[in-house]
Amino acid sequence: MTAGVPVAVVRLRPAADAPPLPRYMSAGAAGCDLPADVAAALVIAPGERVAVPTGLAIALPAGYEAQVRPRSGLALREGVTVLNAPGTIDADYRGEIQVVLVNLGDRPATIRRGDRIAQLVVAPVVRAVWQETAALPPSARSADGFGSTGRAAAAVRTVESDPPAPASDGSEGGARR
């Protein structure tokens, strides 16, 4: 594990009963738990999605992001998970961290003030420098996709993209529409 990265944090609704700051629950934990900052118990119906406030805003150092990830226990016990997992908090975002939860279970789930609703993983970011090319170098996997590196993939619906538009000179290929 690397040395800690300083992250400024502001409580947006300071109170005597404010939920704790994010914290790592074990010495080897990669993610710290994010608590809910709700005024009253929040009931999430089966199939419902909701943005749950944390009452926290952060300032990440340049070159870092924070990933909002589901908590396995909440998913297993209640069927509640982070809908856009992993959610990304960019280094230049200064608003309140909210966690988009969805109840995939078969009964209502209740979130209370201070409940640990997600994990936050702070990670370095590498930015790509795109280099357009006519062809990609070969690889052992080639263009084999879903399920190609293990057992056969389950049947899934795929959507075809538009074929490449003809090049302006009338030859095959060219830019996509």
Protein backbone atom coordinates (compact mmCIF):
# COMPACT_ATOMS: atom_id res chain seq x y z
CA MET A 1 0.00 0.00 0.00
CA THR A 2 1.26 3.48 -0.84
CA ALA A 3 1.49 6.51 1.39
CA GLY A 4 -1.70 8.43 2.05
CA VAL A 5 -2.86 11.17 -0.33
CA PRO A 6 -4.11 14.31 1.41
CA VAL A 7 -7.74 15.06 0.48
CA ALA A 8 -9.48 18.18 1.77
CA VAL A 9 -13.02 17.48 2.99
CA VAL A 10 -15.83 19.84 4.04
CA ARG A 11 -18.94 18.85 5.98
CA LEU A 12 -21.78 20.62 4.20
CA ARG A 13 -24.23 20.18 7.08
CA PRO A 14 -22.17 20.25 10.27
CA ALA A 15 -24.11 19.03 13.29
CA ALA A 16 -23.48 17.32 16.59
CA ASP A 17 -24.88 14.09 15.14
CA ALA A 18 -23.14 14.43 11.74
CA PRO A 19 -22.14 11.11 10.20
CA PRO A 20 -18.43 10.28 10.50
CA LEU A 21 -15.93 11.23 7.84
CA PRO A 22 -15.12 8.45 5.35
CA ARG A 23 -12.92 5.87 7.03
CA TYR A 24 -11.09 2.67 6.21
CA MET A 25 -12.53 -0.21 8.20
CA SER A 26 -9.36 -2.35 8.18
CA ALA A 27 -5.64 -1.89 7.72
CA GLY A 28 -5.74 -3.46 4.26
CA ALA A 29 -8.95 -1.84 2.98
CA ALA A 30 -8.68 -0.24 -0.47
CA GLY A 31 -11.89 1.75 -0.06
CA CYS A 32 -13.21 3.88 2.75
CA ASP A 33 -16.88 3.77 3.67
CA LEU A 34 -19.17 6.67 2.76
CA PRO A 35 -22.02 7.34 5.18
CA ALA A 36 -25.51 8.56 4.29
CA ASP A 37 -26.42 12.06 5.49
CA VAL A 38 -30.21 11.87 5.43
CA ALA A 39 -32.47 13.77 7.83
CA ALA A 40 -34.95 10.89 8.14
CA ALA A 41 -35.00 7.22 7.22
CA LEU A 42 -35.06 6.80 3.45
CA VAL A 43 -37.04 3.84 2.11
CA ILE A 44 -35.99 2.63 -1.34
CA ALA A 45 -38.68 0.53 -3.01
CA PRO A 46 -37.75 -2.46 -5.18
CA GLY A 47 -36.65 -1.14 -8.58
CA GLU A 48 -36.32 2.44 -7.29
CA ARG A 49 -33.17 4.50 -7.68
CA VAL A 50 -32.25 7.53 -5.58
CA ALA A 51 -29.32 9.92 -5.13
CA VAL A 52 -28.36 9.68 -1.46
CA PRO A 53 -26.48 12.66 0.00
CA THR A 54 -23.31 12.19 2.04
CA GLY A 55 -23.04 15.76 3.32
CA LEU A 56 -19.44 15.85 2.12
CA ALA A 57 -17.53 17.75 -0.55
CA ILE A 58 -13.88 16.99 -1.32
CA ALA A 59 -10.93 18.47 -3.18
CA LEU A 60 -8.77 15.75 -4.69
CA PRO A 61 -5.22 16.56 -5.74
CA ALA A 62 -4.66 17.00 -9.48
CA GLY A 63 -3.97 13.64 -11.11
CA TYR A 64 -6.38 11.70 -8.86
CA GLU A 65 -10.00 10.55 -9.00
CA ALA A 66 -12.31 9.00 -6.44
CA GLN A 67 -14.34 5.95 -7.45
CA VAL A 68 -17.69 5.34 -5.74
CA ARG A 69 -18.23 1.58 -5.49
CA PRO A 70 -20.90 -0.69 -4.00
CA ARG A 71 -20.63 -2.24 -0.56
CA SER A 72 -20.84 -6.00 -0.87
CA GLY A 73 -22.73 -6.48 2.41
CA LEU A 74 -25.44 -3.99 1.45
CA ALA A 75 -25.81 -5.68 -1.94
CA LEU A 76 -26.01 -9.16 -0.43
CA ARG A 77 -28.32 -8.35 2.50
CA GLU A 78 -30.63 -5.77 0.90
CA GLY A 79 -30.11 -6.03 -2.87
CA VAL A 80 -28.98 -2.38 -2.87
CA THR A 81 -26.05 -1.37 -5.06
CA VAL A 82 -24.47 1.66 -6.70
CA LEU A 83 -26.23 2.08 -10.04
CA ASN A 84 -23.43 3.80 -11.96
CA ALA A 85 -20.62 1.77 -10.43
CA PRO A 86 -18.00 2.85 -10.34
CA GLY A 87 -19.11 6.44 -10.13
CA THR A 88 -16.25 8.84 -10.79
CA ILE A 89 -15.50 11.99 -8.81
CA ASP A 90 -13.09 14.14 -10.80
CA ALA A 91 -10.33 16.17 -9.16
CA ASP A 92 -12.00 19.44 -10.16
CA TYR A 93 -15.47 18.60 -8.74
CA ARG A 94 -16.35 20.52 -5.58
CA GLY A 95 -20.04 19.69 -5.06
CA GLU A 96 -21.61 17.30 -2.61
CA ILE A 97 -20.82 13.63 -3.08
CA GLN A 98 -24.10 11.84 -3.71
CA VAL A 99 -24.40 8.10 -4.21
CA VAL A 100 -26.87 6.78 -6.80
CA LEU A 101 -28.34 3.69 -5.16
CA VAL A 102 -30.78 1.22 -6.71
CA ASN A 103 -32.76 -1.44 -4.92
CA LEU A 104 -32.54 -4.63 -6.98
CA GLY A 105 -34.04 -6.65 -4.14
CA ASP A 106 -37.59 -7.89 -3.71
CA ARG A 107 -38.51 -5.79 -0.66
CA PRO A 108 -38.09 -2.15 0.43
CA ALA A 109 -34.66 -1.23 1.85
CA THR A 110 -34.19 1.46 4.49
CA ILE A 111 -31.18 3.81 4.61
CA ARG A 112 -30.63 5.73 7.86
CA ARG A 113 -28.36 8.62 8.79
CA GLY A 114 -24.80 7.32 9.16
CA ASP A 115 -25.41 4.02 7.31
CA ARG A 116 -22.41 3.01 5.22
CA ILE A 117 -23.83 3.14 1.69
CA ALA A 118 -20.79 2.90 -0.59
CA GLN A 119 -17.01 2.70 -0.71
CA LEU A 120 -14.73 5.47 -1.97
CA VAL A 121 -11.45 4.49 -3.61
CA VAL A 122 -8.95 7.26 -4.37
CA ALA A 123 -6.76 6.38 -7.34
CA PRO A 124 -4.23 8.01 -9.67
CA VAL A 125 -5.42 8.87 -13.16
CA VAL A 126 -3.50 8.28 -16.36
CA ARG A 127 -4.72 10.30 -19.34
CA ALA A 128 -4.59 8.71 -22.77
CA VAL A 129 -3.06 10.43 -25.76
CA TRP A 130 -5.14 9.11 -28.65
CA GLN A 131 -3.28 8.14 -31.80
CA GLU A 132 -5.60 7.41 -34.69
CA THR A 133 -4.27 4.70 -36.98
CA ALA A 134 -5.49 2.72 -39.99
CA ALA A 135 -5.05 -0.66 -38.24
CA LEU A 136 -4.28 -2.06 -34.82
CA PRO A 137 -1.37 -4.41 -34.12
CA PRO A 138 -2.36 -8.09 -33.89
CA SER A 139 -2.89 -9.84 -30.54
CA ALA A 140 -3.64 -13.39 -29.43
CA ARG A 141 -7.18 -12.39 -28.43
CA SER A 142 -7.89 -10.32 -31.55
CA ALA A 143 -11.47 -8.95 -31.62
CA ASP A 144 -12.96 -11.80 -29.56
CA GLY A 145 -15.27 -10.13 -27.06
CA PHE A 146 -17.71 -11.02 -24.31
CA GLY A 147 -16.85 -14.33 -22.67
CA SER A 148 -14.03 -15.11 -25.06
CA THR A 149 -11.36 -15.53 -22.39
CA GLY A 150 -13.28 -18.06 -20.31
CA ARG A 151 -16.45 -20.05 -20.63
CA ALA A 152 -18.86 -19.30 -23.44
CA ALA A 153 -20.70 -16.02 -23.02
CA ALA A 154 -24.38 -15.99 -22.15
CA ALA A 155 -26.70 -15.00 -24.95
CA VAL A 156 -26.95 -11.23 -24.96
CA ARG A 157 -28.61 -8.79 -27.29
CA THR A 158 -26.08 -6.81 -29.29
CA VAL A 159 -26.68 -3.70 -31.33
CA GLU A 160 -24.94 -3.19 -34.64
CA SER A 161 -23.36 0.17 -35.29
CA ASP A 162 -23.71 2.05 -38.54
CA PRO A 163 -21.34 0.83 -41.24
CA PRO A 164 -18.41 3.12 -41.98
CA ALA A 165 -19.35 5.97 -44.30
CA PRO A 166 -17.68 5.88 -47.71
CA ALA A 167 -14.51 7.93 -47.93
CA SER A 168 -14.82 11.23 -49.73
CA ASP A 169 -12.86 9.77 -52.66
CA GLY A 170 -15.46 7.00 -53.10
CA SER A 171 -13.24 4.19 -51.74
CA GLU A 172 -14.23 1.88 -48.86
CA GLY A 173 -13.76 3.06 -45.29
CA GLY A 174 -13.68 6.56 -43.98
CA ALA A 175 -15.24 8.36 -41.06
CA ARG A 176 -18.25 7.00 -39.21
CA ARG A 177 -21.42 9.00 -39.26
